[in-house]
Amino acid sequence: MVRTHILESIRILTSISPIFTYGGRATTKSGVEPSEHAIIHIQGTRPRSMPGEATLEKKSIAVVPAGSSVRLAPASRINFGIQHPIQHNVKVKDLGTVCDEDMPYLIGYFRMEKDRE
């Protein structure tokens, strides 16, 4: 199983926040806290809320794909409420790079949720 994550590297510490689809239900899944999530989508595609999903507080994050085979399901959500430290030699799937205009939001959301701990 390949896990997909968003990485934030600051100095030598890297932490990850996972990307989930919650079985295609996005944040409508029972027990999921929508305020901890943002839509993640490929640049050039429209971010979509799922049927019955509350409007998310966090702005969507666009990714410039690493290659033409990179796809994200419409229900893909970054869960900033989960953050794990990770070593630099751990393999993760390369989805691409967060768009420059969305990078401040990504870092801000990551830090905001980290400060809630």
PDB file of N, CA and C in Angstrom:
ATOM      1  N   MET A   1       0.852  -1.182   0.000  1.00  0.00           N
ATOM      2  CA  MET A   1       0.000   0.000   0.000  1.00  0.00           C
ATOM      3  C   MET A   1       0.890   1.235   0.000  1.00  0.00           C
ATOM      4  N   VAL A   2       0.614   2.153  -0.888  1.00  0.00           N
ATOM      5  CA  VAL A   2       1.348   3.409  -0.949  1.00  0.00           C
ATOM      6  C   VAL A   2       0.533   4.453  -0.210  1.00  0.00           C
ATOM      7  N   ARG A   3       1.167   5.103   0.740  1.00  0.00           N
ATOM      8  CA  ARG A   3       0.483   6.161   1.475  1.00  0.00           C
ATOM      9  C   ARG A   3       0.874   7.486   0.847  1.00  0.00           C
ATOM     10  N   THR A   4      -0.066   8.363   0.740  1.00  0.00           N
ATOM     11  CA  THR A   4       0.222   9.687   0.214  1.00  0.00           C
ATOM     12  C   THR A   4       0.138  10.691   1.340  1.00  0.00           C
ATOM     13  N   HIS A   5       1.055  11.608   1.329  1.00  0.00           N
ATOM     14  CA  HIS A   5       1.156  12.603   2.391  1.00  0.00           C
ATOM     15  C   HIS A   5       1.607  13.930   1.802  1.00  0.00           C
ATOM     16  N   ILE A   6       1.342  14.965   2.541  1.00  0.00           N
ATOM     17  CA  ILE A   6       1.902  16.275   2.245  1.00  0.00           C
ATOM     18  C   ILE A   6       3.052  16.486   3.211  1.00  0.00           C
ATOM     19  N   LEU A   7       4.178  16.891   2.690  1.00  0.00           N
ATOM     20  CA  LEU A   7       5.367  17.099   3.506  1.00  0.00           C
ATOM     21  C   LEU A   7       5.584  18.578   3.769  1.00  0.00           C
ATOM     22  N   GLU A   8       6.021  18.884   4.970  1.00  0.00           N
ATOM     23  CA  GLU A   8       6.468  20.238   5.275  1.00  0.00           C
ATOM     24  C   GLU A   8       7.859  20.112   5.861  1.00  0.00           C
ATOM     25  N   SER A   9       8.846  20.687   5.195  1.00  0.00           N
ATOM     26  CA  SER A   9      10.215  20.632   5.687  1.00  0.00           C
ATOM     27  C   SER A   9      10.621  21.999   6.203  1.00  0.00           C
ATOM     28  N   ILE A  10      11.013  22.036   7.437  1.00  0.00           N
ATOM     29  CA  ILE A  10      11.527  23.258   8.044  1.00  0.00           C
ATOM     30  C   ILE A  10      12.848  22.879   8.690  1.00  0.00           C
ATOM     31  N   ARG A  11      13.905  23.476   8.218  1.00  0.00           N
ATOM     32  CA  ARG A  11      15.251  23.117   8.659  1.00  0.00           C
ATOM     33  C   ARG A  11      15.462  21.630   8.439  1.00  0.00           C
ATOM     34  N   ILE A  12      15.730  20.870   9.477  1.00  0.00           N
ATOM     35  CA  ILE A  12      15.972  19.448   9.296  1.00  0.00           C
ATOM     36  C   ILE A  12      14.799  18.589   9.736  1.00  0.00           C
ATOM     37  N   LEU A  13      13.744  19.196  10.251  1.00  0.00           N
ATOM     38  CA  LEU A  13      12.579  18.450  10.695  1.00  0.00           C
ATOM     39  C   LEU A  13      11.545  18.396   9.581  1.00  0.00           C
ATOM     40  N   THR A  14      11.063  17.216   9.286  1.00  0.00           N
ATOM     41  CA  THR A  14       9.998  17.066   8.313  1.00  0.00           C
ATOM     42  C   THR A  14       8.836  16.386   9.007  1.00  0.00           C
ATOM     43  N   SER A  15       7.660  16.895   8.775  1.00  0.00           N
ATOM     44  CA  SER A  15       6.442  16.278   9.286  1.00  0.00           C
ATOM     45  C   SER A  15       5.519  16.024   8.111  1.00  0.00           C
ATOM     46  N   ILE A  16       4.616  15.075   8.299  1.00  0.00           N
ATOM     47  CA  ILE A  16       3.682  14.739   7.237  1.00  0.00           C
ATOM     48  C   ILE A  16       2.250  14.878   7.720  1.00  0.00           C
ATOM     49  N   SER A  17       1.389  15.255   6.817  1.00  0.00           N
ATOM     50  CA  SER A  17      -0.051  15.208   7.022  1.00  0.00           C
ATOM     51  C   SER A  17      -0.603  14.316   5.919  1.00  0.00           C
ATOM     52  N   PRO A  18      -1.407  13.319   6.280  1.00  0.00           N
ATOM     53  CA  PRO A  18      -1.888  12.373   5.277  1.00  0.00           C
ATOM     54  C   PRO A  18      -3.005  12.937   4.407  1.00  0.00           C
ATOM     55  N   ILE A  19      -3.146  12.324   3.241  1.00  0.00           N
ATOM     56  CA  ILE A  19      -4.248  12.616   2.335  1.00  0.00           C
ATOM     57  C   ILE A  19      -5.179  11.413   2.379  1.00  0.00           C
ATOM     58  N   PHE A  20      -6.455  11.673   2.644  1.00  0.00           N
ATOM     59  CA  PHE A  20      -7.463  10.621   2.711  1.00  0.00           C
ATOM     60  C   PHE A  20      -8.615  10.948   1.766  1.00  0.00           C
ATOM     61  N   THR A  21      -9.305   9.909   1.307  1.00  0.00           N
ATOM     62  CA  THR A  21     -10.578  10.093   0.600  1.00  0.00           C
ATOM     63  C   THR A  21     -11.732   9.625   1.475  1.00  0.00           C
ATOM     64  N   TYR A  22     -11.411   8.896   2.545  1.00  0.00           N
ATOM     65  CA  TYR A  22     -12.417   8.336   3.445  1.00  0.00           C
ATOM     66  C   TYR A  22     -13.446   7.513   2.665  1.00  0.00           C
ATOM     67  N   GLY A  23     -12.919   6.647   1.801  1.00  0.00           N
ATOM     68  CA  GLY A  23     -13.794   5.770   1.020  1.00  0.00           C
ATOM     69  C   GLY A  23     -14.668   6.520   0.031  1.00  0.00           C
ATOM     70  N   GLY A  24     -14.170   7.661  -0.456  1.00  0.00           N
ATOM     71  CA  GLY A  24     -14.928   8.477  -1.400  1.00  0.00           C
ATOM     72  C   GLY A  24     -15.934   9.407  -0.748  1.00  0.00           C
ATOM     73  N   ARG A  25     -15.972   9.404   0.590  1.00  0.00           N
ATOM     74  CA  ARG A  25     -16.952  10.225   1.306  1.00  0.00           C
ATOM     75  C   ARG A  25     -16.398  11.568   1.747  1.00  0.00           C
ATOM     76  N   ALA A  26     -15.095  11.778   1.593  1.00  0.00           N
ATOM     77  CA  ALA A  26     -14.450  13.016   2.045  1.00  0.00           C
ATOM     78  C   ALA A  26     -14.794  13.269   3.508  1.00  0.00           C
ATOM     79  N   THR A  27     -15.107  14.494   3.868  1.00  0.00           N
ATOM     80  CA  THR A  27     -15.349  14.804   5.284  1.00  0.00           C
ATOM     81  C   THR A  27     -16.783  14.519   5.730  1.00  0.00           C
ATOM     82  N   THR A  28     -17.579  13.865   4.871  1.00  0.00           N
ATOM     83  CA  THR A  28     -18.919  13.463   5.302  1.00  0.00           C
ATOM     84  C   THR A  28     -18.874  12.191   6.139  1.00  0.00           C
ATOM     85  N   LYS A  29     -17.725  11.516   6.171  1.00  0.00           N
ATOM     86  CA  LYS A  29     -17.603  10.281   6.957  1.00  0.00           C
ATOM     87  C   LYS A  29     -17.775  10.593   8.441  1.00  0.00           C
ATOM     88  N   SER A  30     -18.509   9.760   9.118  1.00  0.00           N
ATOM     89  CA  SER A  30     -18.750   9.920  10.552  1.00  0.00           C
ATOM     90  C   SER A  30     -17.428   9.949  11.319  1.00  0.00           C
ATOM     91  N   GLY A  31     -17.301  10.896  12.236  1.00  0.00           N
ATOM     92  CA  GLY A  31     -16.115  11.008  13.076  1.00  0.00           C
ATOM     93  C   GLY A  31     -15.011  11.879  12.511  1.00  0.00           C
ATOM     94  N   VAL A  32     -15.150  12.320  11.272  1.00  0.00           N
ATOM     95  CA  VAL A  32     -14.143  13.172  10.638  1.00  0.00           C
ATOM     96  C   VAL A  32     -14.449  14.626  10.969  1.00  0.00           C
ATOM     97  N   GLU A  33     -13.423  15.367  11.370  1.00  0.00           N
ATOM     98  CA  GLU A  33     -13.577  16.785  11.732  1.00  0.00           C
ATOM     99  C   GLU A  33     -13.269  17.650  10.498  1.00  0.00           C
ATOM    100  N   PRO A  34     -14.290  18.189   9.823  1.00  0.00           N
ATOM    101  CA  PRO A  34     -14.061  18.971   8.606  1.00  0.00           C
ATOM    102  C   PRO A  34     -13.120  20.162   8.795  1.00  0.00           C
ATOM    103  N   SER A  35     -13.113  20.779   9.965  1.00  0.00           N
ATOM    104  CA  SER A  35     -12.284  21.974  10.176  1.00  0.00           C
ATOM    105  C   SER A  35     -10.792  21.676  10.105  1.00  0.00           C
ATOM    106  N   GLU A  36     -10.405  20.411  10.195  1.00  0.00           N
ATOM    107  CA  GLU A  36      -8.987  20.027  10.126  1.00  0.00           C
ATOM    108  C   GLU A  36      -8.539  19.713   8.701  1.00  0.00           C
ATOM    109  N   HIS A  37      -9.423  19.835   7.729  1.00  0.00           N
ATOM    110  CA  HIS A  37      -9.159  19.379   6.369  1.00  0.00           C
ATOM    111  C   HIS A  37      -9.193  20.490   5.330  1.00  0.00           C
ATOM    112  N   ALA A  38      -8.504  20.223   4.223  1.00  0.00           N
ATOM    113  CA  ALA A  38      -8.590  21.054   3.021  1.00  0.00           C
ATOM    114  C   ALA A  38      -8.682  20.119   1.824  1.00  0.00           C
ATOM    115  N   ILE A  39      -9.367  20.560   0.787  1.00  0.00           N
ATOM    116  CA  ILE A  39      -9.395  19.815  -0.470  1.00  0.00           C
ATOM    117  C   ILE A  39      -8.011  19.919  -1.098  1.00  0.00           C
ATOM    118  N   ILE A  40      -7.512  18.823  -1.644  1.00  0.00           N
ATOM    119  CA  ILE A  40      -6.289  18.850  -2.426  1.00  0.00           C
ATOM    120  C   ILE A  40      -6.641  18.362  -3.827  1.00  0.00           C
ATOM    121  N   HIS A  41      -6.156  19.074  -4.840  1.00  0.00           N
ATOM    122  CA  HIS A  41      -6.507  18.746  -6.222  1.00  0.00           C
ATOM    123  C   HIS A  41      -5.341  19.079  -7.142  1.00  0.00           C
ATOM    124  N   ILE A  42      -5.380  18.514  -8.337  1.00  0.00           N
ATOM    125  CA  ILE A  42      -4.359  18.783  -9.347  1.00  0.00           C
ATOM    126  C   ILE A  42      -4.614  20.165  -9.945  1.00  0.00           C
ATOM    127  N   GLN A  43      -3.537  20.932 -10.116  1.00  0.00           N
ATOM    128  CA  GLN A  43      -3.667  22.267 -10.707  1.00  0.00           C
ATOM    129  C   GLN A  43      -4.356  22.154 -12.064  1.00  0.00           C
ATOM    130  N   GLY A  44      -5.293  23.051 -12.315  1.00  0.00           N
ATOM    131  CA  GLY A  44      -6.035  23.035 -13.560  1.00  0.00           C
ATOM    132  C   GLY A  44      -7.347  22.286 -13.457  1.00  0.00           C
ATOM    133  N   THR A  45      -7.543  21.560 -12.351  1.00  0.00           N
ATOM    134  CA  THR A  45      -8.833  20.916 -12.103  1.00  0.00           C
ATOM    135  C   THR A  45      -9.554  21.726 -11.036  1.00  0.00           C
ATOM    136  N   ARG A  46     -10.866  21.620 -11.040  1.00  0.00           N
ATOM    137  CA  ARG A  46     -11.668  22.380 -10.084  1.00  0.00           C
ATOM    138  C   ARG A  46     -11.804  21.586  -8.788  1.00  0.00           C
ATOM    139  N   PRO A  47     -11.489  22.219  -7.642  1.00  0.00           N
ATOM    140  CA  PRO A  47     -11.727  21.525  -6.373  1.00  0.00           C
ATOM    141  C   PRO A  47     -13.225  21.322  -6.184  1.00  0.00           C
ATOM    142  N   ARG A  48     -13.601  20.113  -5.737  1.00  0.00           N
ATOM    143  CA  ARG A  48     -15.025  19.806  -5.620  1.00  0.00           C
ATOM    144  C   ARG A  48     -15.369  19.338  -4.220  1.00  0.00           C
ATOM    145  N   SER A  49     -16.466  19.866  -3.709  1.00  0.00           N
ATOM    146  CA  SER A  49     -17.048  19.335  -2.479  1.00  0.00           C
ATOM    147  C   SER A  49     -17.858  18.114  -2.864  1.00  0.00           C
ATOM    148  N   MET A  50     -17.926  17.180  -1.948  1.00  0.00           N
ATOM    149  CA  MET A  50     -18.715  15.975  -2.181  1.00  0.00           C
ATOM    150  C   MET A  50     -20.166  16.244  -1.759  1.00  0.00           C
ATOM    151  N   PRO A  51     -21.121  15.501  -2.329  1.00  0.00           N
ATOM    152  CA  PRO A  51     -22.532  15.700  -1.940  1.00  0.00           C
ATOM    153  C   PRO A  51     -22.706  15.576  -0.428  1.00  0.00           C
ATOM    154  N   GLY A  52     -23.347  16.566   0.167  1.00  0.00           N
ATOM    155  CA  GLY A  52     -23.601  16.568   1.602  1.00  0.00           C
ATOM    156  C   GLY A  52     -22.444  17.068   2.448  1.00  0.00           C
ATOM    157  N   GLU A  53     -21.332  17.412   1.819  1.00  0.00           N
ATOM    158  CA  GLU A  53     -20.160  17.876   2.563  1.00  0.00           C
ATOM    159  C   GLU A  53     -20.318  19.349   2.929  1.00  0.00           C
ATOM    160  N   ALA A  54     -20.038  19.663   4.179  1.00  0.00           N
ATOM    161  CA  ALA A  54     -20.068  21.060   4.628  1.00  0.00           C
ATOM    162  C   ALA A  54     -18.958  21.839   3.921  1.00  0.00           C
ATOM    163  N   THR A  55     -19.161  23.133   3.740  1.00  0.00           N
ATOM    164  CA  THR A  55     -18.128  23.979   3.160  1.00  0.00           C
ATOM    165  C   THR A  55     -16.918  23.985   4.095  1.00  0.00           C
ATOM    166  N   LEU A  56     -15.750  23.657   3.556  1.00  0.00           N
ATOM    167  CA  LEU A  56     -14.542  23.607   4.376  1.00  0.00           C
ATOM    168  C   LEU A  56     -14.009  25.009   4.609  1.00  0.00           C
ATOM    169  N   GLU A  57     -13.519  25.246   5.820  1.00  0.00           N
ATOM    170  CA  GLU A  57     -12.981  26.554   6.192  1.00  0.00           C
ATOM    171  C   GLU A  57     -11.658  26.847   5.487  1.00  0.00           C
ATOM    172  N   LYS A  58     -10.874  25.815   5.262  1.00  0.00           N
ATOM    173  CA  LYS A  58      -9.547  25.983   4.680  1.00  0.00           C
ATOM    174  C   LYS A  58      -9.635  26.011   3.153  1.00  0.00           C
ATOM    175  N   LYS A  59      -8.865  26.925   2.560  1.00  0.00           N
ATOM    176  CA  LYS A  59      -8.796  27.056   1.107  1.00  0.00           C
ATOM    177  C   LYS A  59      -8.233  25.774   0.509  1.00  0.00           C
ATOM    178  N   SER A  60      -8.694  25.413  -0.681  1.00  0.00           N
ATOM    179  CA  SER A  60      -8.172  24.219  -1.348  1.00  0.00           C
ATOM    180  C   SER A  60      -6.705  24.428  -1.728  1.00  0.00           C
ATOM    181  N   ILE A  61      -5.984  23.315  -1.816  1.00  0.00           N
ATOM    182  CA  ILE A  61      -4.559  23.319  -2.133  1.00  0.00           C
ATOM    183  C   ILE A  61      -4.371  22.642  -3.484  1.00  0.00           C
ATOM    184  N   ALA A  62      -3.747  23.337  -4.427  1.00  0.00           N
ATOM    185  CA  ALA A  62      -3.492  22.787  -5.759  1.00  0.00           C
ATOM    186  C   ALA A  62      -2.066  22.262  -5.844  1.00  0.00           C
ATOM    187  N   VAL A  63      -1.915  21.161  -6.576  1.00  0.00           N
ATOM    188  CA  VAL A  63      -0.620  20.513  -6.752  1.00  0.00           C
ATOM    189  C   VAL A  63      -0.276  20.487  -8.235  1.00  0.00           C
ATOM    190  N   VAL A  64       0.954  20.882  -8.579  1.00  0.00           N
ATOM    191  CA  VAL A  64       1.481  20.695  -9.924  1.00  0.00           C
ATOM    192  C   VAL A  64       1.971  19.253  -9.953  1.00  0.00           C
ATOM    193  N   PRO A  65       1.358  18.382 -10.769  1.00  0.00           N
ATOM    194  CA  PRO A  65       1.690  16.964 -10.702  1.00  0.00           C
ATOM    195  C   PRO A  65       3.126  16.654 -11.127  1.00  0.00           C
ATOM    196  N   ALA A  66       3.692  15.612 -10.490  1.00  0.00           N
ATOM    197  CA  ALA A  66       5.054  15.179 -10.797  1.00  0.00           C
ATOM    198  C   ALA A  66       5.130  14.527 -12.177  1.00  0.00           C
ATOM    199  N   GLY A  67       4.017  14.054 -12.671  1.00  0.00           N
ATOM    200  CA  GLY A  67       3.977  13.418 -13.979  1.00  0.00           C
ATOM    201  C   GLY A  67       2.549  13.299 -14.465  1.00  0.00           C
ATOM    202  N   SER A  68       2.389  12.887 -15.712  1.00  0.00           N
ATOM    203  CA  SER A  68       1.051  12.814 -16.303  1.00  0.00           C
ATOM    204  C   SER A  68       0.199  11.702 -15.703  1.00  0.00           C
ATOM    205  N   SER A  69       0.827  10.760 -15.012  1.00  0.00           N
ATOM    206  CA  SER A  69       0.064   9.657 -14.418  1.00  0.00           C
ATOM    207  C   SER A  69      -0.482   9.986 -13.020  1.00  0.00           C
ATOM    208  N   VAL A  70      -0.077  11.120 -12.461  1.00  0.00           N
ATOM    209  CA  VAL A  70      -0.524  11.488 -11.111  1.00  0.00           C
ATOM    210  C   VAL A  70      -1.986  11.914 -11.145  1.00  0.00           C
ATOM    211  N   ARG A  71      -2.770  11.273 -10.307  1.00  0.00           N
ATOM    212  CA  ARG A  71      -4.191  11.577 -10.189  1.00  0.00           C
ATOM    213  C   ARG A  71      -4.549  11.711  -8.708  1.00  0.00           C
ATOM    214  N   LEU A  72      -5.507  12.554  -8.428  1.00  0.00           N
ATOM    215  CA  LEU A  72      -6.089  12.656  -7.092  1.00  0.00           C
ATOM    216  C   LEU A  72      -7.587  12.488  -7.237  1.00  0.00           C
ATOM    217  N   ALA A  73      -8.169  11.660  -6.401  1.00  0.00           N
ATOM    218  CA  ALA A  73      -9.615  11.462  -6.422  1.00  0.00           C
ATOM    219  C   ALA A  73     -10.310  12.755  -6.000  1.00  0.00           C
ATOM    220  N   PRO A  74     -11.511  13.005  -6.499  1.00  0.00           N
ATOM    221  CA  PRO A  74     -12.238  14.224  -6.108  1.00  0.00           C
ATOM    222  C   PRO A  74     -12.456  14.340  -4.601  1.00  0.00           C
ATOM    223  N   ALA A  75     -12.495  13.222  -3.893  1.00  0.00           N
ATOM    224  CA  ALA A  75     -12.715  13.240  -2.444  1.00  0.00           C
ATOM    225  C   ALA A  75     -11.419  13.395  -1.646  1.00  0.00           C
ATOM    226  N   SER A  76     -10.287  13.622  -2.293  1.00  0.00           N
ATOM    227  CA  SER A  76      -9.000  13.741  -1.584  1.00  0.00           C
ATOM    228  C   SER A  76      -8.992  14.966  -0.680  1.00  0.00           C
ATOM    229  N   ARG A  77      -8.626  14.726   0.577  1.00  0.00           N
ATOM    230  CA  ARG A  77      -8.557  15.785   1.586  1.00  0.00           C
ATOM    231  C   ARG A  77      -7.261  15.646   2.369  1.00  0.00           C
ATOM    232  N   ILE A  78      -6.606  16.783   2.628  1.00  0.00           N
ATOM    233  CA  ILE A  78      -5.437  16.792   3.514  1.00  0.00           C
ATOM    234  C   ILE A  78      -5.969  16.893   4.936  1.00  0.00           C
ATOM    235  N   ASN A  79      -5.517  16.007   5.792  1.00  0.00           N
ATOM    236  CA  ASN A  79      -5.921  16.060   7.201  1.00  0.00           C
ATOM    237  C   ASN A  79      -4.785  16.700   7.992  1.00  0.00           C
ATOM    238  N   PHE A  80      -4.883  18.006   8.213  1.00  0.00           N
ATOM    239  CA  PHE A  80      -3.861  18.732   8.961  1.00  0.00           C
ATOM    240  C   PHE A  80      -3.889  18.398  10.442  1.00  0.00           C
ATOM    241  N   GLY A  81      -4.974  17.780  10.902  1.00  0.00           N
ATOM    242  CA  GLY A  81      -5.094  17.399  12.305  1.00  0.00           C
ATOM    243  C   GLY A  81      -4.221  16.215  12.672  1.00  0.00           C
ATOM    244  N   ILE A  82      -3.715  15.509  11.667  1.00  0.00           N
ATOM    245  CA  ILE A  82      -2.776  14.410  11.889  1.00  0.00           C
ATOM    246  C   ILE A  82      -1.430  14.844  11.347  1.00  0.00           C
ATOM    247  N   GLN A  83      -0.433  14.839  12.216  1.00  0.00           N
ATOM    248  CA  GLN A  83       0.918  15.216  11.804  1.00  0.00           C
ATOM    249  C   GLN A  83       1.897  14.249  12.438  1.00  0.00           C
ATOM    250  N   HIS A  84       2.733  13.688  11.597  1.00  0.00           N
ATOM    251  CA  HIS A  84       3.726  12.737  12.074  1.00  0.00           C
ATOM    252  C   HIS A  84       5.117  13.204  11.657  1.00  0.00           C
ATOM    253  N   PRO A  85       6.096  13.139  12.593  1.00  0.00           N
ATOM    254  CA  PRO A  85       7.469  13.388  12.167  1.00  0.00           C
ATOM    255  C   PRO A  85       7.919  12.222  11.282  1.00  0.00           C
ATOM    256  N   ILE A  86       8.758  12.509  10.320  1.00  0.00           N
ATOM    257  CA  ILE A  86       9.220  11.480   9.400  1.00  0.00           C
ATOM    258  C   ILE A  86      10.697  11.706   9.090  1.00  0.00           C
ATOM    259  N   GLN A  87      11.426  10.610   8.954  1.00  0.00           N
ATOM    260  CA  GLN A  87      12.835  10.702   8.596  1.00  0.00           C
ATOM    261  C   GLN A  87      12.949  10.962   7.099  1.00  0.00           C
ATOM    262  N   HIS A  88      14.039  11.584   6.701  1.00  0.00           N
ATOM    263  CA  HIS A  88      14.229  11.957   5.302  1.00  0.00           C
ATOM    264  C   HIS A  88      14.459  10.765   4.387  1.00  0.00           C
ATOM    265  N   ASN A  89      14.794   9.600   4.936  1.00  0.00           N
ATOM    266  CA  ASN A  89      15.049   8.444   4.087  1.00  0.00           C
ATOM    267  C   ASN A  89      13.824   7.550   3.914  1.00  0.00           C
ATOM    268  N   VAL A  90      12.663   7.971   4.395  1.00  0.00           N
ATOM    269  CA  VAL A  90      11.433   7.200   4.263  1.00  0.00           C
ATOM    270  C   VAL A  90      10.815   7.485   2.892  1.00  0.00           C
ATOM    271  N   LYS A  91      10.422   6.403   2.187  1.00  0.00           N
ATOM    272  CA  LYS A  91       9.826   6.563   0.861  1.00  0.00           C
ATOM    273  C   LYS A  91       8.381   7.048   0.969  1.00  0.00           C
ATOM    274  N   VAL A  92       8.066   8.042   0.172  1.00  0.00           N
ATOM    275  CA  VAL A  92       6.694   8.514   0.023  1.00  0.00           C
ATOM    276  C   VAL A  92       6.431   8.678  -1.466  1.00  0.00           C
ATOM    277  N   LYS A  93       5.180   8.651  -1.853  1.00  0.00           N
ATOM    278  CA  LYS A  93       4.820   8.814  -3.253  1.00  0.00           C
ATOM    279  C   LYS A  93       4.954  10.282  -3.644  1.00  0.00           C
ATOM    280  N   ASP A  94       5.640  10.546  -4.750  1.00  0.00           N
ATOM    281  CA  ASP A  94       5.811  11.908  -5.244  1.00  0.00           C
ATOM    282  C   ASP A  94       4.598  12.296  -6.072  1.00  0.00           C
ATOM    283  N   LEU A  95       3.731  13.102  -5.477  1.00  0.00           N
ATOM    284  CA  LEU A  95       2.563  13.597  -6.197  1.00  0.00           C
ATOM    285  C   LEU A  95       2.907  14.809  -7.050  1.00  0.00           C
ATOM    286  N   GLY A  96       3.882  15.569  -6.588  1.00  0.00           N
ATOM    287  CA  GLY A  96       4.243  16.803  -7.269  1.00  0.00           C
ATOM    288  C   GLY A  96       4.571  17.873  -6.258  1.00  0.00           C
ATOM    289  N   THR A  97       4.371  19.111  -6.669  1.00  0.00           N
ATOM    290  CA  THR A  97       4.715  20.264  -5.848  1.00  0.00           C
ATOM    291  C   THR A  97       3.476  21.134  -5.630  1.00  0.00           C
ATOM    292  N   VAL A  98       3.303  21.580  -4.415  1.00  0.00           N
ATOM    293  CA  VAL A  98       2.201  22.496  -4.122  1.00  0.00           C
ATOM    294  C   VAL A  98       2.442  23.790  -4.891  1.00  0.00           C
ATOM    295  N   CYS A  99       1.394  24.318  -5.516  1.00  0.00           N
ATOM    296  CA  CYS A  99       1.497  25.571  -6.278  1.00  0.00           C
ATOM    297  C   CYS A  99       2.042  26.685  -5.386  1.00  0.00           C
ATOM    298  N   ASP A 100       2.858  27.537  -5.974  1.00  0.00           N
ATOM    299  CA  ASP A 100       3.476  28.630  -5.211  1.00  0.00           C
ATOM    300  C   ASP A 100       2.435  29.463  -4.457  1.00  0.00           C
ATOM    301  N   GLU A 101       1.302  29.770  -5.111  1.00  0.00           N
ATOM    302  CA  GLU A 101       0.310  30.633  -4.462  1.00  0.00           C
ATOM    303  C   GLU A 101      -0.405  29.940  -3.308  1.00  0.00           C
ATOM    304  N   ASP A 102      -0.378  28.604  -3.271  1.00  0.00           N
ATOM    305  CA  ASP A 102      -1.026  27.879  -2.181  1.00  0.00           C
ATOM    306  C   ASP A 102      -0.076  27.481  -1.058  1.00  0.00           C
ATOM    307  N   MET A 103       1.223  27.602  -1.289  1.00  0.00           N
ATOM    308  CA  MET A 103       2.207  27.196  -0.279  1.00  0.00           C
ATOM    309  C   MET A 103       2.032  27.940   1.052  1.00  0.00           C
ATOM    310  N   PRO A 104       1.795  29.260   1.060  1.00  0.00           N
ATOM    311  CA  PRO A 104       1.581  29.925   2.353  1.00  0.00           C
ATOM    312  C   PRO A 104       0.377  29.369   3.122  1.00  0.00           C
ATOM    313  N   TYR A 105      -0.677  28.994   2.401  1.00  0.00           N
ATOM    314  CA  TYR A 105      -1.847  28.399   3.056  1.00  0.00           C
ATOM    315  C   TYR A 105      -1.490  27.036   3.640  1.00  0.00           C
ATOM    316  N   LEU A 106      -0.800  26.213   2.859  1.00  0.00           N
ATOM    317  CA  LEU A 106      -0.399  24.887   3.325  1.00  0.00           C
ATOM    318  C   LEU A 106       0.408  24.989   4.616  1.00  0.00           C
ATOM    319  N   ILE A 107       1.411  25.828   4.627  1.00  0.00           N
ATOM    320  CA  ILE A 107       2.259  25.985   5.812  1.00  0.00           C
ATOM    321  C   ILE A 107       1.453  26.570   6.972  1.00  0.00           C
ATOM    322  N   GLY A 108       0.626  27.561   6.693  1.00  0.00           N
ATOM    323  CA  GLY A 108      -0.189  28.175   7.738  1.00  0.00           C
ATOM    324  C   GLY A 108      -1.159  27.195   8.370  1.00  0.00           C
ATOM    325  N   TYR A 109      -1.839  26.384   7.558  1.00  0.00           N
ATOM    326  CA  TYR A 109      -2.780  25.393   8.086  1.00  0.00           C
ATOM    327  C   TYR A 109      -2.051  24.339   8.906  1.00  0.00           C
ATOM    328  N   PHE A 110      -0.892  23.922   8.421  1.00  0.00           N
ATOM    329  CA  PHE A 110      -0.101  22.924   9.136  1.00  0.00           C
ATOM    330  C   PHE A 110       0.280  23.447  10.518  1.00  0.00           C
ATOM    331  N   ARG A 111       0.774  24.662  10.542  1.00  0.00           N
ATOM    332  CA  ARG A 111       1.190  25.263  11.832  1.00  0.00           C
ATOM    333  C   ARG A 111      -0.002  25.526  12.743  1.00  0.00           C
ATOM    334  N   MET A 112      -1.131  25.969  12.174  1.00  0.00           N
ATOM    335  CA  MET A 112      -2.328  26.242  12.965  1.00  0.00           C
ATOM    336  C   MET A 112      -2.786  24.985  13.691  1.00  0.00           C
ATOM    337  N   GLU A 113      -2.853  23.865  12.988  1.00  0.00           N
ATOM    338  CA  GLU A 113      -3.285  22.621  13.619  1.00  0.00           C
ATOM    339  C   GLU A 113      -2.247  22.101  14.601  1.00  0.00           C
ATOM    340  N   LYS A 114      -0.969  22.311  14.299  1.00  0.00           N
ATOM    341  CA  LYS A 114       0.093  21.873  15.211  1.00  0.00           C
ATOM    342  C   LYS A 114       0.000  22.657  16.522  1.00  0.00           C
ATOM    343  N   ASP A 115      -0.321  23.935  16.452  1.00  0.00           N
ATOM    344  CA  ASP A 115      -0.432  24.773  17.640  1.00  0.00           C
ATOM    345  C   ASP A 115      -1.626  24.394  18.516  1.00  0.00           C
ATOM    346  N   ARG A 116      -2.622  23.716  17.942  1.00  0.00           N
ATOM    347  CA  ARG A 116      -3.794  23.288  18.712  1.00  0.00           C
ATOM    348  C   ARG A 116      -3.490  22.106  19.618  1.00  0.00           C
ATOM    349  N   GLU A 117      -2.384  21.415  19.349  1.00  0.00           N
ATOM    350  CA  GLU A 117      -2.046  20.213  20.136  1.00  0.00           C
ATOM    351  C   GLU A 117      -1.745  20.533  21.566  1.00  0.00           C
TER     352      GLU A 117
END
